[in-house]
Amino acid sequence: LVESGGGSVEAGGSLRLACATYGLTYSLSFMGWFRQAPGKERET
């Protein structure tokens, strides 16, 4: 799984992240985006 599209923006701006999958015979049925900030737990 390969993510792309991150970067630096000012408040109020926009970004579009992409996650491409490779090597799968059958597509993954359930997917999600998760994040982890410094000092915080990973969250959905």
PDB file of all heavy atoms in Angstrom:
ATOM      1  N   LEU A   1       0.864  -1.163   0.000  1.00  0.00           N
ATOM      2  CA  LEU A   1       0.000   0.000   0.000  1.00  0.00           C
ATOM      3  C   LEU A   1       0.907   1.220   0.000  1.00  0.00           C
ATOM      4  O   LEU A   1       1.811   1.318   0.836  1.00  0.00           O
ATOM      5  CB  LEU A   1      -0.910   0.030   1.229  1.00  0.00           C
ATOM      6  CG  LEU A   1      -2.212  -0.778   1.201  1.00  0.00           C
ATOM      7  CD1 LEU A   1      -1.944  -2.268   1.023  1.00  0.00           C
ATOM      8  CD2 LEU A   1      -3.008  -0.527   2.475  1.00  0.00           C
ATOM      9  N   VAL A   2       0.672   2.143  -0.920  1.00  0.00           N
ATOM     10  CA  VAL A   2       1.546   3.292  -1.088  1.00  0.00           C
ATOM     11  C   VAL A   2       0.716   4.569  -1.039  1.00  0.00           C
ATOM     12  O   VAL A   2      -0.108   4.810  -1.915  1.00  0.00           O
ATOM     13  CB  VAL A   2       2.331   3.218  -2.407  1.00  0.00           C
ATOM     14  CG1 VAL A   2       3.255   4.430  -2.534  1.00  0.00           C
ATOM     15  CG2 VAL A   2       3.128   1.925  -2.480  1.00  0.00           C
ATOM     16  N   GLU A   3       0.960   5.393  -0.012  1.00  0.00           N
ATOM     17  CA  GLU A   3       0.274   6.676   0.131  1.00  0.00           C
ATOM     18  C   GLU A   3       1.043   7.775  -0.595  1.00  0.00           C
ATOM     19  O   GLU A   3       2.270   7.725  -0.704  1.00  0.00           O
ATOM     20  CB  GLU A   3       0.131   7.072   1.607  1.00  0.00           C
ATOM     21  CG  GLU A   3      -0.617   6.073   2.465  1.00  0.00           C
ATOM     22  CD  GLU A   3       0.311   5.210   3.281  1.00  0.00           C
ATOM     23  OE1 GLU A   3       1.451   4.960   2.816  1.00  0.00           O
ATOM     24  OE2 GLU A   3      -0.077   4.789   4.385  1.00  0.00           O
ATOM     25  N   SER A   4       0.307   8.779  -1.045  1.00  0.00           N
ATOM     26  CA  SER A   4       0.912   9.951  -1.661  1.00  0.00           C
ATOM     27  C   SER A   4      -0.015  11.143  -1.457  1.00  0.00           C
ATOM     28  O   SER A   4      -1.169  10.986  -1.073  1.00  0.00           O
ATOM     29  CB  SER A   4       1.176   9.725  -3.153  1.00  0.00           C
ATOM     30  OG  SER A   4      -0.031   9.467  -3.848  1.00  0.00           O
ATOM     31  N   GLY A   5       0.490  12.335  -1.720  1.00  0.00           N
ATOM     32  CA  GLY A   5      -0.331  13.531  -1.695  1.00  0.00           C
ATOM     33  C   GLY A   5      -0.169  14.414  -0.478  1.00  0.00           C
ATOM     34  O   GLY A   5      -0.769  15.497  -0.424  1.00  0.00           O
ATOM     35  N   GLY A   6       0.618  13.999   0.489  1.00  0.00           N
ATOM     36  CA  GLY A   6       0.843  14.834   1.652  1.00  0.00           C
ATOM     37  C   GLY A   6       1.682  16.049   1.321  1.00  0.00           C
ATOM     38  O   GLY A   6       2.250  16.165   0.232  1.00  0.00           O
ATOM     39  N   GLY A   7       1.754  16.968   2.267  1.00  0.00           N
ATOM     40  CA  GLY A   7       2.524  18.178   2.073  1.00  0.00           C
ATOM     41  C   GLY A   7       2.216  19.196   3.141  1.00  0.00           C
ATOM     42  O   GLY A   7       1.591  18.878   4.157  1.00  0.00           O
ATOM     43  N   SER A   8       2.661  20.415   2.910  1.00  0.00           N
ATOM     44  CA  SER A   8       2.456  21.524   3.837  1.00  0.00           C
ATOM     45  C   SER A   8       1.500  22.541   3.241  1.00  0.00           C
ATOM     46  O   SER A   8       1.669  22.965   2.092  1.00  0.00           O
ATOM     47  CB  SER A   8       3.790  22.199   4.156  1.00  0.00           C
ATOM     48  OG  SER A   8       4.683  21.298   4.792  1.00  0.00           O
ATOM     49  N   VAL A   9       0.489  22.919   4.021  1.00  0.00           N
ATOM     50  CA  VAL A   9      -0.501  23.898   3.585  1.00  0.00           C
ATOM     51  C   VAL A   9      -0.826  24.834   4.729  1.00  0.00           C
ATOM     52  O   VAL A   9      -0.589  24.522   5.899  1.00  0.00           O
ATOM     53  CB  VAL A   9      -1.805  23.242   3.079  1.00  0.00           C
ATOM     54  CG1 VAL A   9      -1.541  22.385   1.848  1.00  0.00           C
ATOM     55  CG2 VAL A   9      -2.440  22.410   4.185  1.00  0.00           C
ATOM     56  N   GLU A  10      -1.388  25.990   4.389  1.00  0.00           N
ATOM     57  CA  GLU A  10      -1.876  26.916   5.400  1.00  0.00           C
ATOM     58  C   GLU A  10      -3.274  26.512   5.851  1.00  0.00           C
ATOM     59  O   GLU A  10      -3.999  25.819   5.139  1.00  0.00           O
ATOM     60  CB  GLU A  10      -1.908  28.336   4.851  1.00  0.00           C
ATOM     61  CG  GLU A  10      -0.533  28.884   4.510  1.00  0.00           C
ATOM     62  CD  GLU A  10      -0.576  30.308   4.008  1.00  0.00           C
ATOM     63  OE1 GLU A  10      -1.690  30.883   3.914  1.00  0.00           O
ATOM     64  OE2 GLU A  10       0.490  30.863   3.717  1.00  0.00           O
ATOM     65  N   ALA A  11      -3.635  26.919   7.053  1.00  0.00           N
ATOM     66  CA  ALA A  11      -4.972  26.644   7.556  1.00  0.00           C
ATOM     67  C   ALA A  11      -6.024  27.112   6.558  1.00  0.00           C
ATOM     68  O   ALA A  11      -5.918  28.199   5.988  1.00  0.00           O
ATOM     69  CB  ALA A  11      -5.177  27.322   8.902  1.00  0.00           C
ATOM     70  N   GLY A  12      -7.038  26.269   6.361  1.00  0.00           N
ATOM     71  CA  GLY A  12      -8.075  26.554   5.382  1.00  0.00           C
ATOM     72  C   GLY A  12      -7.812  25.962   4.017  1.00  0.00           C
ATOM     73  O   GLY A  12      -8.717  25.959   3.169  1.00  0.00           O
ATOM     74  N   GLY A  13      -6.626  25.449   3.801  1.00  0.00           N
ATOM     75  CA  GLY A  13      -6.269  24.857   2.527  1.00  0.00           C
ATOM     76  C   GLY A  13      -6.753  23.432   2.388  1.00  0.00           C
ATOM     77  O   GLY A  13      -7.400  22.871   3.280  1.00  0.00           O
ATOM     78  N   SER A  14      -6.414  22.817   1.253  1.00  0.00           N
ATOM     79  CA  SER A  14      -6.872  21.468   0.923  1.00  0.00           C
ATOM     80  C   SER A  14      -5.731  20.603   0.427  1.00  0.00           C
ATOM     81  O   SER A  14      -4.751  21.094  -0.147  1.00  0.00           O
ATOM     82  CB  SER A  14      -7.954  21.520  -0.160  1.00  0.00           C
ATOM     83  OG  SER A  14      -9.099  22.222   0.271  1.00  0.00           O
ATOM     84  N   LEU A  15      -5.873  19.307   0.649  1.00  0.00           N
ATOM     85  CA  LEU A  15      -4.986  18.296   0.099  1.00  0.00           C
ATOM     86  C   LEU A  15      -5.816  17.079  -0.271  1.00  0.00           C
ATOM     87  O   LEU A  15      -6.867  16.832   0.327  1.00  0.00           O
ATOM     88  CB  LEU A  15      -3.914  17.869   1.105  1.00  0.00           C
ATOM     89  CG  LEU A  15      -2.787  18.843   1.428  1.00  0.00           C
ATOM     90  CD1 LEU A  15      -1.974  18.301   2.607  1.00  0.00           C
ATOM     91  CD2 LEU A  15      -1.888  19.056   0.221  1.00  0.00           C
ATOM     92  N   ARG A  16      -5.340  16.318  -1.244  1.00  0.00           N
ATOM     93  CA  ARG A  16      -5.956  15.040  -1.567  1.00  0.00           C
ATOM     94  C   ARG A  16      -4.913  13.942  -1.446  1.00  0.00           C
ATOM     95  O   ARG A  16      -3.906  13.948  -2.159  1.00  0.00           O
ATOM     96  CB  ARG A  16      -6.560  15.015  -2.977  1.00  0.00           C
ATOM     97  CG  ARG A  16      -7.407  13.756  -3.217  1.00  0.00           C
ATOM     98  CD  ARG A  16      -8.041  13.708  -4.593  1.00  0.00           C
ATOM     99  NE  ARG A  16      -7.076  13.364  -5.632  1.00  0.00           N
ATOM    100  CZ  ARG A  16      -7.376  12.715  -6.754  1.00  0.00           C
ATOM    101  NH1 ARG A  16      -8.635  12.343  -6.979  1.00  0.00           N
ATOM    102  NH2 ARG A  16      -6.450  12.470  -7.645  1.00  0.00           N
ATOM    103  N   LEU A  17      -5.151  13.015  -0.535  1.00  0.00           N
ATOM    104  CA  LEU A  17      -4.283  11.872  -0.356  1.00  0.00           C
ATOM    105  C   LEU A  17      -4.773  10.710  -1.210  1.00  0.00           C
ATOM    106  O   LEU A  17      -5.970  10.544  -1.422  1.00  0.00           O
ATOM    107  CB  LEU A  17      -4.248  11.441   1.109  1.00  0.00           C
ATOM    108  CG  LEU A  17      -3.920  12.519   2.147  1.00  0.00           C
ATOM    109  CD1 LEU A  17      -3.841  11.887   3.535  1.00  0.00           C
ATOM    110  CD2 LEU A  17      -2.631  13.236   1.803  1.00  0.00           C
ATOM    111  N   ALA A  18      -3.848   9.895  -1.687  1.00  0.00           N
ATOM    112  CA  ALA A  18      -4.171   8.699  -2.443  1.00  0.00           C
ATOM    113  C   ALA A  18      -3.454   7.510  -1.838  1.00  0.00           C
ATOM    114  O   ALA A  18      -2.336   7.638  -1.322  1.00  0.00           O
ATOM    115  CB  ALA A  18      -3.785   8.855  -3.906  1.00  0.00           C
ATOM    116  N   CYS A  19      -4.086   6.355  -1.893  1.00  0.00           N
ATOM    117  CA  CYS A  19      -3.492   5.104  -1.438  1.00  0.00           C
ATOM    118  C   CYS A  19      -3.687   4.070  -2.532  1.00  0.00           C
ATOM    119  O   CYS A  19      -4.810   3.598  -2.747  1.00  0.00           O
ATOM    120  CB  CYS A  19      -4.133   4.641  -0.130  1.00  0.00           C
ATOM    121  SG  CYS A  19      -3.567   3.021   0.443  1.00  0.00           S
ATOM    122  N   ALA A  20      -2.624   3.744  -3.220  1.00  0.00           N
ATOM    123  CA  ALA A  20      -2.656   2.729  -4.265  1.00  0.00           C
ATOM    124  C   ALA A  20      -2.242   1.385  -3.692  1.00  0.00           C
ATOM    125  O   ALA A  20      -1.318   1.308  -2.886  1.00  0.00           O
ATOM    126  CB  ALA A  20      -1.736   3.120  -5.411  1.00  0.00           C
ATOM    127  N   THR A  21      -2.923   0.322  -4.111  1.00  0.00           N
ATOM    128  CA  THR A  21      -2.617  -1.017  -3.634  1.00  0.00           C
ATOM    129  C   THR A  21      -2.032  -1.847  -4.769  1.00  0.00           C
ATOM    130  O   THR A  21      -2.446  -1.731  -5.923  1.00  0.00           O
ATOM    131  CB  THR A  21      -3.856  -1.716  -3.060  1.00  0.00           C
ATOM    132  OG1 THR A  21      -4.837  -1.886  -4.091  1.00  0.00           O
ATOM    133  CG2 THR A  21      -4.457  -0.900  -1.928  1.00  0.00           C
ATOM    134  N   TYR A  22      -1.082  -2.700  -4.413  1.00  0.00           N
ATOM    135  CA  TYR A  22      -0.386  -3.528  -5.392  1.00  0.00           C
ATOM    136  C   TYR A  22      -0.267  -4.955  -4.881  1.00  0.00           C
ATOM    137  O   TYR A  22      -0.175  -5.195  -3.679  1.00  0.00           O
ATOM    138  CB  TYR A  22       1.021  -2.980  -5.663  1.00  0.00           C
ATOM    139  CG  TYR A  22       1.048  -1.554  -6.132  1.00  0.00           C
ATOM    140  CD1 TYR A  22       1.186  -0.512  -5.222  1.00  0.00           C
ATOM    141  CD2 TYR A  22       0.935  -1.247  -7.481  1.00  0.00           C
ATOM    142  CE1 TYR A  22       1.211   0.804  -5.645  1.00  0.00           C
ATOM    143  CE2 TYR A  22       0.957   0.063  -7.911  1.00  0.00           C
ATOM    144  CZ  TYR A  22       1.098   1.084  -6.995  1.00  0.00           C
ATOM    145  OH  TYR A  22       1.120   2.393  -7.418  1.00  0.00           O
ATOM    146  N   GLY A  23      -0.244  -5.904  -5.805  1.00  0.00           N
ATOM    147  CA  GLY A  23       0.015  -7.298  -5.472  1.00  0.00           C
ATOM    148  C   GLY A  23      -1.153  -8.074  -4.914  1.00  0.00           C
ATOM    149  O   GLY A  23      -0.951  -9.171  -4.385  1.00  0.00           O
ATOM    150  N   LEU A  24      -2.362  -7.555  -5.042  1.00  0.00           N
ATOM    151  CA  LEU A  24      -3.547  -8.206  -4.496  1.00  0.00           C
ATOM    152  C   LEU A  24      -4.304  -8.973  -5.579  1.00  0.00           C
ATOM    153  O   LEU A  24      -4.645  -8.408  -6.619  1.00  0.00           O
ATOM    154  CB  LEU A  24      -4.478  -7.185  -3.871  1.00  0.00           C
ATOM    155  CG  LEU A  24      -4.008  -6.554  -2.557  1.00  0.00           C
ATOM    156  CD1 LEU A  24      -4.763  -5.268  -2.296  1.00  0.00           C
ATOM    157  CD2 LEU A  24      -4.197  -7.537  -1.413  1.00  0.00           C
ATOM    158  N   THR A  25      -4.576 -10.244  -5.315  1.00  0.00           N
ATOM    159  CA  THR A  25      -5.434 -11.010  -6.202  1.00  0.00           C
ATOM    160  C   THR A  25      -6.893 -10.593  -6.039  1.00  0.00           C
ATOM    161  O   THR A  25      -7.636 -10.481  -7.017  1.00  0.00           O
ATOM    162  CB  THR A  25      -5.279 -12.513  -5.931  1.00  0.00           C
ATOM    163  OG1 THR A  25      -3.915 -12.902  -6.122  1.00  0.00           O
ATOM    164  CG2 THR A  25      -6.157 -13.329  -6.869  1.00  0.00           C
ATOM    165  N   TYR A  26      -7.292 -10.357  -4.791  1.00  0.00           N
ATOM    166  CA  TYR A  26      -8.623  -9.871  -4.466  1.00  0.00           C
ATOM    167  C   TYR A  26      -8.501  -8.539  -3.752  1.00  0.00           C
ATOM    168  O   TYR A  26      -7.690  -8.394  -2.832  1.00  0.00           O
ATOM    169  CB  TYR A  26      -9.375 -10.878  -3.600  1.00  0.00           C
ATOM    170  CG  TYR A  26      -9.547 -12.227  -4.254  1.00  0.00           C
ATOM    171  CD1 TYR A  26      -8.712 -13.296  -3.946  1.00  0.00           C
ATOM    172  CD2 TYR A  26     -10.547 -12.426  -5.196  1.00  0.00           C
ATOM    173  CE1 TYR A  26      -8.867 -14.526  -4.552  1.00  0.00           C
ATOM    174  CE2 TYR A  26     -10.710 -13.653  -5.814  1.00  0.00           C
ATOM    175  CZ  TYR A  26      -9.871 -14.702  -5.487  1.00  0.00           C
ATOM    176  OH  TYR A  26     -10.034 -15.924  -6.093  1.00  0.00           O
ATOM    177  N   SER A  27      -9.312  -7.582  -4.160  1.00  0.00           N
ATOM    178  CA  SER A  27      -9.274  -6.257  -3.564  1.00  0.00           C
ATOM    179  C   SER A  27      -9.623  -6.313  -2.080  1.00  0.00           C
ATOM    180  O   SER A  27     -10.424  -7.136  -1.653  1.00  0.00           O
ATOM    181  CB  SER A  27     -10.250  -5.329  -4.284  1.00  0.00           C
ATOM    182  OG  SER A  27      -9.893  -5.174  -5.644  1.00  0.00           O
ATOM    183  N   LEU A  28      -9.017  -5.418  -1.316  1.00  0.00           N
ATOM    184  CA  LEU A  28      -9.319  -5.319   0.098  1.00  0.00           C
ATOM    185  C   LEU A  28     -10.708  -4.706   0.274  1.00  0.00           C
ATOM    186  O   LEU A  28     -10.994  -3.643  -0.270  1.00  0.00           O
ATOM    187  CB  LEU A  28      -8.268  -4.472   0.807  1.00  0.00           C
ATOM    188  CG  LEU A  28      -6.837  -5.013   0.721  1.00  0.00           C
ATOM    189  CD1 LEU A  28      -5.854  -4.029   1.350  1.00  0.00           C
ATOM    190  CD2 LEU A  28      -6.731  -6.376   1.384  1.00  0.00           C
ATOM    191  N   SER A  29     -11.554  -5.392   1.032  1.00  0.00           N
ATOM    192  CA  SER A  29     -12.942  -4.978   1.170  1.00  0.00           C
ATOM    193  C   SER A  29     -13.118  -3.773   2.086  1.00  0.00           C
ATOM    194  O   SER A  29     -14.035  -2.974   1.893  1.00  0.00           O
ATOM    195  CB  SER A  29     -13.791  -6.130   1.699  1.00  0.00           C
ATOM    196  OG  SER A  29     -13.728  -7.243   0.833  1.00  0.00           O
ATOM    197  N   PHE A  30     -12.271  -3.665   3.080  1.00  0.00           N
ATOM    198  CA  PHE A  30     -12.375  -2.642   4.114  1.00  0.00           C
ATOM    199  C   PHE A  30     -11.064  -1.890   4.179  1.00  0.00           C
ATOM    200  O   PHE A  30     -10.005  -2.486   4.396  1.00  0.00           O
ATOM    201  CB  PHE A  30     -12.703  -3.280   5.457  1.00  0.00           C
ATOM    202  CG  PHE A  30     -12.805  -2.310   6.588  1.00  0.00           C
ATOM    203  CD1 PHE A  30     -13.937  -1.534   6.752  1.00  0.00           C
ATOM    204  CD2 PHE A  30     -11.770  -2.175   7.511  1.00  0.00           C
ATOM    205  CE1 PHE A  30     -14.050  -0.641   7.799  1.00  0.00           C
ATOM    206  CE2 PHE A  30     -11.867  -1.285   8.563  1.00  0.00           C
ATOM    207  CZ  PHE A  30     -13.012  -0.512   8.706  1.00  0.00           C
ATOM    208  N   MET A  31     -11.121  -0.585   3.989  1.00  0.00           N
ATOM    209  CA  MET A  31      -9.930   0.238   4.055  1.00  0.00           C
ATOM    210  C   MET A  31     -10.204   1.482   4.874  1.00  0.00           C
ATOM    211  O   MET A  31     -11.364   1.864   5.074  1.00  0.00           O
ATOM    212  CB  MET A  31      -9.434   0.609   2.654  1.00  0.00           C
ATOM    213  CG  MET A  31      -9.072  -0.602   1.810  1.00  0.00           C
ATOM    214  SD  MET A  31      -8.164  -0.191   0.298  1.00  0.00           S
ATOM    215  CE  MET A  31      -6.590   0.326   0.997  1.00  0.00           C
ATOM    216  N   GLY A  32      -9.134   2.092   5.337  1.00  0.00           N
ATOM    217  CA  GLY A  32      -9.303   3.278   6.146  1.00  0.00           C
ATOM    218  C   GLY A  32      -8.087   4.179   6.115  1.00  0.00           C
ATOM    219  O   GLY A  32      -7.001   3.783   5.670  1.00  0.00           O
ATOM    220  N   TRP A  33      -8.320   5.380   6.577  1.00  0.00           N
ATOM    221  CA  TRP A  33      -7.270   6.366   6.768  1.00  0.00           C
ATOM    222  C   TRP A  33      -7.100   6.611   8.257  1.00  0.00           C
ATOM    223  O   TRP A  33      -8.090   6.780   8.980  1.00  0.00           O
ATOM    224  CB  TRP A  33      -7.602   7.679   6.057  1.00  0.00           C
ATOM    225  CG  TRP A  33      -7.538   7.578   4.567  1.00  0.00           C
ATOM    226  CD1 TRP A  33      -8.568   7.357   3.710  1.00  0.00           C
ATOM    227  CD2 TRP A  33      -6.363   7.704   3.767  1.00  0.00           C
ATOM    228  NE1 TRP A  33      -8.119   7.333   2.413  1.00  0.00           N
ATOM    229  CE2 TRP A  33      -6.759   7.541   2.421  1.00  0.00           C
ATOM    230  CE3 TRP A  33      -5.017   7.935   4.034  1.00  0.00           C
ATOM    231  CZ2 TRP A  33      -5.867   7.608   1.359  1.00  0.00           C
ATOM    232  CZ3 TRP A  33      -4.120   8.002   2.979  1.00  0.00           C
ATOM    233  CH2 TRP A  33      -4.550   7.836   1.661  1.00  0.00           C
ATOM    234  N   PHE A  34      -5.864   6.661   8.698  1.00  0.00           N
ATOM    235  CA  PHE A  34      -5.523   6.804  10.104  1.00  0.00           C
ATOM    236  C   PHE A  34      -4.416   7.836  10.229  1.00  0.00           C
ATOM    237  O   PHE A  34      -3.675   8.075   9.276  1.00  0.00           O
ATOM    238  CB  PHE A  34      -5.086   5.453  10.677  1.00  0.00           C
ATOM    239  CG  PHE A  34      -6.048   4.350  10.348  1.00  0.00           C
ATOM    240  CD1 PHE A  34      -5.931   3.630   9.167  1.00  0.00           C
ATOM    241  CD2 PHE A  34      -7.095   4.053  11.203  1.00  0.00           C
ATOM    242  CE1 PHE A  34      -6.832   2.626   8.846  1.00  0.00           C
ATOM    243  CE2 PHE A  34      -8.010   3.048  10.893  1.00  0.00           C
ATOM    244  CZ  PHE A  34      -7.879   2.344   9.716  1.00  0.00           C
ATOM    245  N   ARG A  35      -4.312   8.468  11.383  1.00  0.00           N
ATOM    246  CA  ARG A  35      -3.278   9.470  11.563  1.00  0.00           C
ATOM    247  C   ARG A  35      -2.707   9.413  12.969  1.00  0.00           C
ATOM    248  O   ARG A  35      -3.359   8.966  13.912  1.00  0.00           O
ATOM    249  CB  ARG A  35      -3.812  10.879  11.272  1.00  0.00           C
ATOM    250  CG  ARG A  35      -4.841  11.388  12.265  1.00  0.00           C
ATOM    251  CD  ARG A  35      -5.409  12.724  11.801  1.00  0.00           C
ATOM    252  NE  ARG A  35      -6.366  13.269  12.751  1.00  0.00           N
ATOM    253  CZ  ARG A  35      -7.115  14.339  12.525  1.00  0.00           C
ATOM    254  NH1 ARG A  35      -7.021  14.987  11.365  1.00  0.00           N
ATOM    255  NH2 ARG A  35      -7.962  14.770  13.456  1.00  0.00           N
ATOM    256  N   GLN A  36      -1.468   9.874  13.087  1.00  0.00           N
ATOM    257  CA  GLN A  36      -0.815   9.948  14.370  1.00  0.00           C
ATOM    258  C   GLN A  36      -0.018  11.239  14.448  1.00  0.00           C
ATOM    259  O   GLN A  36       0.878  11.469  13.639  1.00  0.00           O
ATOM    260  CB  GLN A  36       0.097   8.748  14.607  1.00  0.00           C
ATOM    261  CG  GLN A  36       0.667   8.696  16.012  1.00  0.00           C
ATOM    262  CD  GLN A  36       1.270   7.350  16.343  1.00  0.00           C
ATOM    263  OE1 GLN A  36       1.577   6.555  15.464  1.00  0.00           O
ATOM    264  NE2 GLN A  36       1.431   7.082  17.622  1.00  0.00           N
ATOM    265  N   ALA A  37      -0.371  12.067  15.413  1.00  0.00           N
ATOM    266  CA  ALA A  37       0.330  13.312  15.663  1.00  0.00           C
ATOM    267  C   ALA A  37       1.315  13.110  16.808  1.00  0.00           C
ATOM    268  O   ALA A  37       1.146  12.210  17.631  1.00  0.00           O
ATOM    269  CB  ALA A  37      -0.662  14.415  16.009  1.00  0.00           C
ATOM    270  N   PRO A  38       2.345  13.954  16.889  1.00  0.00           N
ATOM    271  CA  PRO A  38       3.316  13.824  17.986  1.00  0.00           C
ATOM    272  C   PRO A  38       2.630  13.864  19.345  1.00  0.00           C
ATOM    273  O   PRO A  38       1.804  14.735  19.615  1.00  0.00           O
ATOM    274  CB  PRO A  38       4.226  15.031  17.784  1.00  0.00           C
ATOM    275  CG  PRO A  38       4.145  15.320  16.324  1.00  0.00           C
ATOM    276  CD  PRO A  38       2.720  15.025  15.951  1.00  0.00           C
ATOM    277  N   GLY A  39       2.967  12.908  20.201  1.00  0.00           N
ATOM    278  CA  GLY A  39       2.413  12.855  21.533  1.00  0.00           C
ATOM    279  C   GLY A  39       1.008  12.303  21.638  1.00  0.00           C
ATOM    280  O   GLY A  39       0.438  12.287  22.734  1.00  0.00           O
ATOM    281  N   LYS A  40       0.439  11.857  20.530  1.00  0.00           N
ATOM    282  CA  LYS A  40      -0.914  11.329  20.537  1.00  0.00           C
ATOM    283  C   LYS A  40      -0.945   9.892  20.032  1.00  0.00           C
ATOM    284  O   LYS A  40      -0.036   9.444  19.343  1.00  0.00           O
ATOM    285  CB  LYS A  40      -1.835  12.186  19.666  1.00  0.00           C
ATOM    286  CG  LYS A  40      -2.093  13.582  20.193  1.00  0.00           C
ATOM    287  CD  LYS A  40      -3.140  14.289  19.359  1.00  0.00           C
ATOM    288  CE  LYS A  40      -3.492  15.636  19.933  1.00  0.00           C
ATOM    289  NZ  LYS A  40      -4.545  16.305  19.123  1.00  0.00           N
ATOM    290  N   GLU A  41      -2.011   9.191  20.384  1.00  0.00           N
ATOM    291  CA  GLU A  41      -2.229   7.845  19.880  1.00  0.00           C
ATOM    292  C   GLU A  41      -2.709   7.899  18.436  1.00  0.00           C
ATOM    293  O   GLU A  41      -3.299   8.889  17.996  1.00  0.00           O
ATOM    294  CB  GLU A  41      -3.259   7.118  20.742  1.00  0.00           C
ATOM    295  CG  GLU A  41      -2.841   6.906  22.183  1.00  0.00           C
ATOM    296  CD  GLU A  41      -1.650   5.982  22.307  1.00  0.00           C
ATOM    297  OE1 GLU A  41      -1.597   4.968  21.567  1.00  0.00           O
ATOM    298  OE2 GLU A  41      -0.772   6.257  23.129  1.00  0.00           O
ATOM    299  N   ARG A  42      -2.464   6.827  17.716  1.00  0.00           N
ATOM    300  CA  ARG A  42      -2.984   6.724  16.367  1.00  0.00           C
ATOM    301  C   ARG A  42      -4.506   6.650  16.413  1.00  0.00           C
ATOM    302  O   ARG A  42      -5.082   5.958  17.262  1.00  0.00           O
ATOM    303  CB  ARG A  42      -2.406   5.493  15.663  1.00  0.00           C
ATOM    304  CG  ARG A  42      -2.725   5.425  14.182  1.00  0.00           C
ATOM    305  CD  ARG A  42      -1.939   4.320  13.484  1.00  0.00           C
ATOM    306  NE  ARG A  42      -0.506   4.571  13.534  1.00  0.00           N
ATOM    307  CZ  ARG A  42       0.401   3.831  12.909  1.00  0.00           C
ATOM    308  NH1 ARG A  42       0.019   2.783  12.179  1.00  0.00           N
ATOM    309  NH2 ARG A  42       1.687   4.122  13.011  1.00  0.00           N
ATOM    310  N   GLU A  43      -5.165   7.374  15.509  1.00  0.00           N
ATOM    311  CA  GLU A  43      -6.616   7.422  15.505  1.00  0.00           C
ATOM    312  C   GLU A  43      -7.171   7.192  14.109  1.00  0.00           C
ATOM    313  O   GLU A  43      -6.521   7.477  13.105  1.00  0.00           O
ATOM    314  CB  GLU A  43      -7.114   8.764  16.050  1.00  0.00           C
ATOM    315  CG  GLU A  43      -6.709   9.951  15.205  1.00  0.00           C
ATOM    316  CD  GLU A  43      -7.274  11.262  15.713  1.00  0.00           C
ATOM    317  OE1 GLU A  43      -8.312  11.234  16.417  1.00  0.00           O
ATOM    318  OE2 GLU A  43      -6.683  12.317  15.420  1.00  0.00           O
ATOM    319  N   THR A  44      -8.391   6.696  14.073  1.00  0.00           N
ATOM    320  CA  THR A  44      -9.093   6.506  12.816  1.00  0.00           C
ATOM    321  C   THR A  44      -9.657   7.830  12.331  1.00  0.00           C
ATOM    322  O   THR A  44     -10.302   8.554  13.089  1.00  0.00           O
ATOM    323  CB  THR A  44     -10.230   5.489  12.981  1.00  0.00           C
ATOM    324  OG1 THR A  44      -9.705   4.251  13.458  1.00  0.00           O
ATOM    325  CG2 THR A  44     -10.935   5.248  11.658  1.00  0.00           C
TER     326      THR A  44
END
